[in-house]
Amino acid sequence: MAPEPQGTLPLQSEQHIVLCRQTVRGLCQSLKFSLVEQTKMITAASELSRNTLIHGGGGRMHWALLSQGLRQGLQLRFEDEGPGIADVALAMSDGFTSGGGMGLGLPGSKRLVSEFELQSEPGRGTCVSIVKWK
């Protein structure tokens, strides 16, 4: 059965993070990503969903299957209405940690994917969008 071309998952609990990883795995498999590509996308999704829950107070993940000419890809967007990121440059620097995650942080997640975009405003939340192309 083919996956929906787009959808949304809540990120309000640890169980939602597990569901997020399972969903991303299924979407990657439907696109016939290699095992390495799947692992990279699932790892980035795990890190970003955990950030959404822990630092953003919960939110949601939106996904969309992409097609650009002969290329196919997967876009994931993690959104919250949390406190936002006060210093995006610091958060994107290697070695920065706010503790509790897998130790990859935002720059590690960026290295795992084809495209990475972060928008954050203190007091208004954060949105991180990633794309992996096959």
Protein backbone atom coordinates (compact mmCIF):
# COMPACT_ATOMS: atom_id res chain seq x y z
CA MET A 1 0.00 0.00 0.00
CA ALA A 2 1.43 3.37 -1.02
CA PRO A 3 1.81 5.97 1.73
CA GLU A 4 -0.20 9.17 1.76
CA PRO A 5 1.65 11.90 -0.18
CA GLN A 6 1.56 14.12 2.91
CA GLY A 7 0.47 14.04 6.50
CA THR A 8 0.92 15.25 10.05
CA LEU A 9 1.85 13.54 13.31
CA PRO A 10 1.59 15.04 16.79
CA LEU A 11 4.74 15.21 18.88
CA GLN A 12 3.43 15.35 22.44
CA SER A 13 5.01 12.27 24.07
CA GLU A 14 7.81 9.71 23.85
CA GLN A 15 5.36 7.38 22.08
CA HIS A 16 4.91 10.01 19.38
CA ILE A 17 8.69 10.08 18.83
CA VAL A 18 8.62 6.29 18.31
CA LEU A 19 5.70 6.68 15.88
CA CYS A 20 7.61 9.45 14.08
CA ARG A 21 10.62 7.16 13.55
CA GLN A 22 8.38 4.32 12.35
CA THR A 23 6.56 6.63 9.95
CA VAL A 24 9.80 8.04 8.53
CA ARG A 25 11.19 4.50 8.10
CA GLY A 26 8.07 3.48 6.14
CA LEU A 27 8.19 6.61 3.98
CA CYS A 28 11.89 6.08 3.22
CA GLN A 29 11.24 2.45 2.33
CA SER A 30 8.39 3.46 0.00
CA LEU A 31 10.85 5.75 -1.81
CA LYS A 32 13.35 2.89 -1.98
CA PHE A 33 16.00 4.80 -0.07
CA SER A 34 19.12 2.76 0.63
CA LEU A 35 19.59 1.50 4.18
CA VAL A 36 22.19 4.24 4.74
CA GLU A 37 19.81 6.95 3.45
CA GLN A 38 17.00 5.55 5.63
CA THR A 39 19.23 5.54 8.71
CA LYS A 40 20.33 9.14 8.13
CA MET A 41 16.76 10.38 7.71
CA ILE A 42 15.44 8.40 10.69
CA THR A 43 18.31 9.66 12.86
CA ALA A 44 17.67 13.30 11.88
CA ALA A 45 13.93 12.85 12.44
CA SER A 46 14.55 11.30 15.84
CA GLU A 47 16.77 14.19 16.93
CA LEU A 48 14.42 16.87 15.60
CA SER A 49 11.27 15.27 17.02
CA ARG A 50 12.96 15.03 20.43
CA ASN A 51 13.94 18.73 20.19
CA THR A 52 10.32 19.58 19.33
CA LEU A 53 9.04 17.69 22.35
CA ILE A 54 11.69 18.62 24.94
CA HIS A 55 12.67 22.17 23.98
CA GLY A 56 9.52 23.25 22.15
CA GLY A 57 7.04 21.76 24.60
CA GLY A 58 5.57 19.53 21.88
CA GLY A 59 4.37 20.24 18.40
CA ARG A 60 3.99 18.29 15.19
CA MET A 61 5.81 16.76 12.27
CA HIS A 62 4.49 17.30 8.76
CA TRP A 63 5.73 15.13 5.92
CA ALA A 64 5.47 15.38 2.16
CA LEU A 65 6.66 13.09 -0.60
CA LEU A 66 8.42 15.21 -3.22
CA SER A 67 8.97 14.76 -6.92
CA GLN A 68 11.29 16.99 -8.94
CA GLY A 69 11.84 15.71 -12.45
CA LEU A 70 13.20 12.20 -12.01
CA ARG A 71 14.19 12.85 -8.40
CA GLN A 72 12.07 11.76 -5.50
CA GLY A 73 12.48 12.91 -1.95
CA LEU A 74 10.99 13.25 1.48
CA GLN A 75 10.41 16.51 3.30
CA LEU A 76 9.88 16.59 7.06
CA ARG A 77 8.89 19.76 8.91
CA PHE A 78 9.02 19.95 12.71
CA GLU A 79 7.03 22.80 14.27
CA ASP A 80 6.41 24.00 17.80
CA GLU A 81 5.12 27.09 19.54
CA GLY A 82 7.72 26.88 22.29
CA PRO A 83 10.20 29.47 23.54
CA GLY A 84 12.16 29.54 20.29
CA ILE A 85 15.93 29.59 19.94
CA ALA A 86 17.56 32.72 21.37
CA ASP A 87 20.85 32.27 19.48
CA VAL A 88 20.43 30.27 16.27
CA ALA A 89 24.10 30.65 15.33
CA LEU A 90 25.15 29.14 18.67
CA ALA A 91 22.60 26.32 18.37
CA MET A 92 23.96 25.54 14.89
CA SER A 93 27.57 25.39 16.07
CA ASP A 94 29.30 22.04 16.52
CA GLY A 95 29.76 21.05 20.11
CA PHE A 96 26.79 23.04 21.42
CA THR A 97 24.47 21.00 23.60
CA SER A 98 21.48 21.76 25.71
CA GLY A 99 21.71 18.22 27.11
CA GLY A 100 19.58 15.12 26.91
CA GLY A 101 19.63 14.46 23.18
CA MET A 102 21.58 12.01 21.07
CA GLY A 103 24.47 14.44 20.95
CA LEU A 104 23.96 15.27 17.27
CA GLY A 105 22.25 18.57 17.77
CA LEU A 106 21.03 20.71 14.92
CA PRO A 107 24.33 20.80 12.97
CA GLY A 108 24.55 16.99 13.10
CA SER A 109 21.02 16.70 11.76
CA LYS A 110 21.88 19.17 8.99
CA ARG A 111 24.81 17.00 7.86
CA LEU A 112 22.53 13.95 7.52
CA VAL A 113 20.13 15.46 4.98
CA SER A 114 20.15 17.11 1.54
CA GLU A 115 18.43 20.35 2.60
CA PHE A 116 18.01 21.97 6.01
CA GLU A 117 16.17 25.14 6.98
CA LEU A 118 15.63 26.52 10.49
CA GLN A 119 13.34 29.38 11.42
CA SER A 120 12.97 30.41 15.04
CA GLU A 121 11.73 33.45 16.87
CA PRO A 122 12.09 33.81 20.63
CA GLY A 123 8.68 33.50 22.25
CA ARG A 124 7.03 32.27 19.04
CA GLY A 125 8.48 28.82 18.38
CA THR A 126 10.66 27.00 15.93
CA CYS A 127 10.25 25.31 12.56
CA VAL A 128 12.92 23.01 11.13
CA SER A 129 12.45 21.67 7.61
CA ILE A 130 14.61 18.89 6.18
CA VAL A 131 14.65 17.17 2.79
CA LYS A 132 16.39 14.00 1.70
CA TRP A 133 16.59 13.35 -2.04
CA LYS A 134 17.07 9.91 -3.52
